[in-house]
């Protein structure tokens, strides 16, 4: 999985909090990687306006 810093960084929170949230959220991976990425964006991206861009790329080796 690759992601931009906008997924985990917030001006009002320590980056370690964002990393822990990402680790917890990414502990389970859906069979459909689009659904996985959407879930990460929805849970970690927040519902308010973002100050930074967010991108997530997930690959599965088969």
N, C-alpha and C. Protein backbone atom coordinates (compact mmCIF):
# COMPACT_ATOMS: atom_id res chain seq x y z
N UNK A 1 0.83 -1.15 0.00
CA UNK A 1 0.00 0.00 0.00
C UNK A 1 0.89 1.23 0.00
N UNK A 2 0.52 2.19 -0.83
CA UNK A 2 1.18 3.49 -0.88
C UNK A 2 0.14 4.55 -0.57
N UNK A 3 0.56 5.60 0.11
CA UNK A 3 -0.38 6.67 0.44
C UNK A 3 0.38 7.98 0.60
N UNK A 4 -0.33 9.07 0.42
CA UNK A 4 0.26 10.38 0.63
C UNK A 4 0.07 10.78 2.09
N UNK A 5 0.85 11.76 2.51
CA UNK A 5 0.82 12.17 3.91
C UNK A 5 -0.52 12.74 4.34
N UNK A 6 -1.33 13.19 3.40
CA UNK A 6 -2.64 13.72 3.75
C UNK A 6 -3.54 12.70 4.42
N UNK A 7 -3.27 11.42 4.21
CA UNK A 7 -4.08 10.37 4.83
C UNK A 7 -3.85 10.29 6.33
N UNK A 8 -2.64 10.59 6.79
CA UNK A 8 -2.31 10.37 8.20
C UNK A 8 -1.95 11.63 8.97
N UNK A 9 -1.70 12.75 8.29
CA UNK A 9 -1.30 13.96 8.99
C UNK A 9 -2.46 14.92 9.19
N UNK A 10 -2.53 15.47 10.38
CA UNK A 10 -3.50 16.51 10.70
C UNK A 10 -2.76 17.61 11.46
N UNK A 11 -3.15 18.83 11.24
CA UNK A 11 -2.50 19.95 11.93
C UNK A 11 -2.72 19.91 13.43
N UNK A 12 -3.84 19.36 13.86
CA UNK A 12 -4.19 19.36 15.27
C UNK A 12 -3.89 18.04 15.98
N UNK A 13 -3.13 17.14 15.33
CA UNK A 13 -2.83 15.83 15.93
C UNK A 13 -1.40 15.42 15.59
N UNK A 14 -0.82 14.64 16.47
CA UNK A 14 0.52 14.11 16.27
C UNK A 14 0.50 13.06 15.15
N UNK A 15 1.54 13.03 14.35
CA UNK A 15 1.58 12.08 13.22
C UNK A 15 1.54 10.63 13.71
N UNK A 16 2.05 10.38 14.92
CA UNK A 16 2.00 9.02 15.46
C UNK A 16 0.55 8.55 15.64
N UNK A 17 -0.34 9.47 15.97
CA UNK A 17 -1.77 9.11 16.07
C UNK A 17 -2.30 8.67 14.71
N UNK A 18 -1.92 9.40 13.67
CA UNK A 18 -2.34 9.03 12.33
C UNK A 18 -1.78 7.70 11.88
N UNK A 19 -0.53 7.43 12.23
CA UNK A 19 0.08 6.15 11.88
C UNK A 19 -0.61 5.00 12.61
N UNK A 20 -0.92 5.19 13.89
CA UNK A 20 -1.64 4.15 14.64
C UNK A 20 -3.02 3.92 14.06
N UNK A 21 -3.70 4.99 13.71
CA UNK A 21 -5.04 4.85 13.12
C UNK A 21 -4.97 4.10 11.79
N UNK A 22 -3.96 4.40 10.99
CA UNK A 22 -3.79 3.70 9.71
C UNK A 22 -3.50 2.22 9.95
N UNK A 23 -2.61 1.92 10.87
CA UNK A 23 -2.27 0.52 11.15
C UNK A 23 -3.51 -0.26 11.60
N UNK A 24 -4.31 0.35 12.46
CA UNK A 24 -5.51 -0.32 12.94
C UNK A 24 -6.52 -0.51 11.82
N UNK A 25 -6.69 0.51 11.01
CA UNK A 25 -7.67 0.46 9.93
C UNK A 25 -7.25 -0.50 8.82
N UNK A 26 -5.97 -0.60 8.56
CA UNK A 26 -5.47 -1.45 7.48
C UNK A 26 -5.16 -2.87 7.93
N UNK A 27 -5.46 -3.19 9.18
CA UNK A 27 -5.18 -4.54 9.69
C UNK A 27 -6.00 -5.60 8.95
N UNK A 28 -7.19 -5.23 8.49
CA UNK A 28 -8.01 -6.13 7.69
C UNK A 28 -8.11 -5.58 6.28
N UNK A 29 -7.97 -6.46 5.31
CA UNK A 29 -8.03 -6.05 3.91
C UNK A 29 -9.17 -6.79 3.23
N UNK A 30 -10.09 -6.01 2.65
CA UNK A 30 -11.19 -6.61 1.92
C UNK A 30 -10.67 -7.34 0.68
N UNK A 31 -11.42 -8.33 0.18
CA UNK A 31 -11.05 -8.99 -1.07
C UNK A 31 -10.98 -7.99 -2.24
N UNK A 32 -11.87 -7.01 -2.21
CA UNK A 32 -11.91 -5.98 -3.24
C UNK A 32 -11.05 -4.80 -2.78
N UNK A 33 -9.93 -4.56 -3.43
CA UNK A 33 -9.02 -3.51 -3.00
C UNK A 33 -9.61 -2.11 -3.17
N UNK A 34 -10.53 -1.93 -4.10
CA UNK A 34 -11.22 -0.64 -4.21
C UNK A 34 -12.01 -0.36 -2.93
N UNK A 35 -12.67 -1.37 -2.41
CA UNK A 35 -13.44 -1.22 -1.17
C UNK A 35 -12.49 -0.93 0.00
N UNK A 36 -11.36 -1.59 0.02
CA UNK A 36 -10.34 -1.36 1.05
C UNK A 36 -9.88 0.09 1.04
N UNK A 37 -9.52 0.59 -0.13
CA UNK A 37 -9.05 1.98 -0.26
C UNK A 37 -10.15 2.97 0.11
N UNK A 38 -11.37 2.69 -0.31
CA UNK A 38 -12.49 3.56 0.03
C UNK A 38 -12.71 3.62 1.53
N UNK A 39 -12.60 2.47 2.19
CA UNK A 39 -12.77 2.44 3.65
C UNK A 39 -11.68 3.27 4.32
N UNK A 40 -10.45 3.13 3.88
CA UNK A 40 -9.36 3.93 4.46
C UNK A 40 -9.62 5.42 4.28
N UNK A 41 -10.02 5.79 3.08
CA UNK A 41 -10.29 7.21 2.80
C UNK A 41 -11.44 7.73 3.67
N UNK A 42 -12.50 6.94 3.80
CA UNK A 42 -13.65 7.37 4.58
C UNK A 42 -13.33 7.48 6.07
N UNK A 43 -12.62 6.51 6.60
CA UNK A 43 -12.33 6.51 8.04
C UNK A 43 -11.21 7.47 8.41
N UNK A 44 -10.19 7.55 7.59
CA UNK A 44 -9.03 8.36 7.95
C UNK A 44 -9.05 9.75 7.35
N UNK A 45 -9.75 9.91 6.25
CA UNK A 45 -9.79 11.20 5.59
C UNK A 45 -10.67 12.22 6.29
N UNK A 46 -11.56 11.75 7.12
CA UNK A 46 -12.45 12.66 7.83
C UNK A 46 -13.57 13.17 6.95
N UNK A 47 -14.51 13.81 7.59
CA UNK A 47 -15.68 14.30 6.86
C UNK A 47 -15.59 15.77 6.52
N UNK A 48 -14.64 16.48 7.13
CA UNK A 48 -14.49 17.91 6.87
C UNK A 48 -13.61 18.19 5.68
N UNK A 49 -13.40 19.46 5.42
CA UNK A 49 -12.53 19.87 4.32
C UNK A 49 -11.08 19.52 4.64
N UNK A 50 -10.38 18.96 3.67
CA UNK A 50 -8.99 18.56 3.85
C UNK A 50 -8.06 19.71 3.46
N UNK A 51 -7.01 19.88 4.23
CA UNK A 51 -6.00 20.89 3.91
C UNK A 51 -4.95 20.33 2.96
N UNK A 52 -4.91 19.02 2.82
CA UNK A 52 -3.88 18.37 2.01
C UNK A 52 -4.55 17.34 1.11
N UNK A 53 -3.87 17.02 0.02
CA UNK A 53 -4.40 15.99 -0.88
C UNK A 53 -4.22 14.62 -0.25
N UNK A 54 -5.06 13.68 -0.67
CA UNK A 54 -4.98 12.30 -0.19
C UNK A 54 -5.03 11.37 -1.38
N UNK A 55 -4.10 10.43 -1.41
CA UNK A 55 -4.10 9.38 -2.43
C UNK A 55 -3.72 8.07 -1.76
N UNK A 56 -4.36 6.99 -2.18
CA UNK A 56 -4.07 5.65 -1.67
C UNK A 56 -4.00 4.70 -2.85
N UNK A 57 -2.97 3.87 -2.88
CA UNK A 57 -2.81 2.84 -3.90
C UNK A 57 -2.54 1.53 -3.17
N UNK A 58 -3.30 0.51 -3.50
CA UNK A 58 -3.10 -0.80 -2.88
C UNK A 58 -2.91 -1.84 -3.99
N UNK A 59 -1.96 -2.69 -3.78
CA UNK A 59 -1.66 -3.78 -4.72
C UNK A 59 -1.68 -5.10 -3.96
N UNK A 60 -2.10 -6.13 -4.65
CA UNK A 60 -2.09 -7.47 -4.06
C UNK A 60 -1.27 -8.37 -4.96
N UNK A 61 -0.37 -9.06 -4.36
CA UNK A 61 0.46 -10.02 -5.10
C UNK A 61 -0.24 -11.35 -5.09
N UNK A 62 -0.44 -11.90 -6.28
CA UNK A 62 -1.13 -13.20 -6.38
C UNK A 62 -0.23 -14.24 -7.00
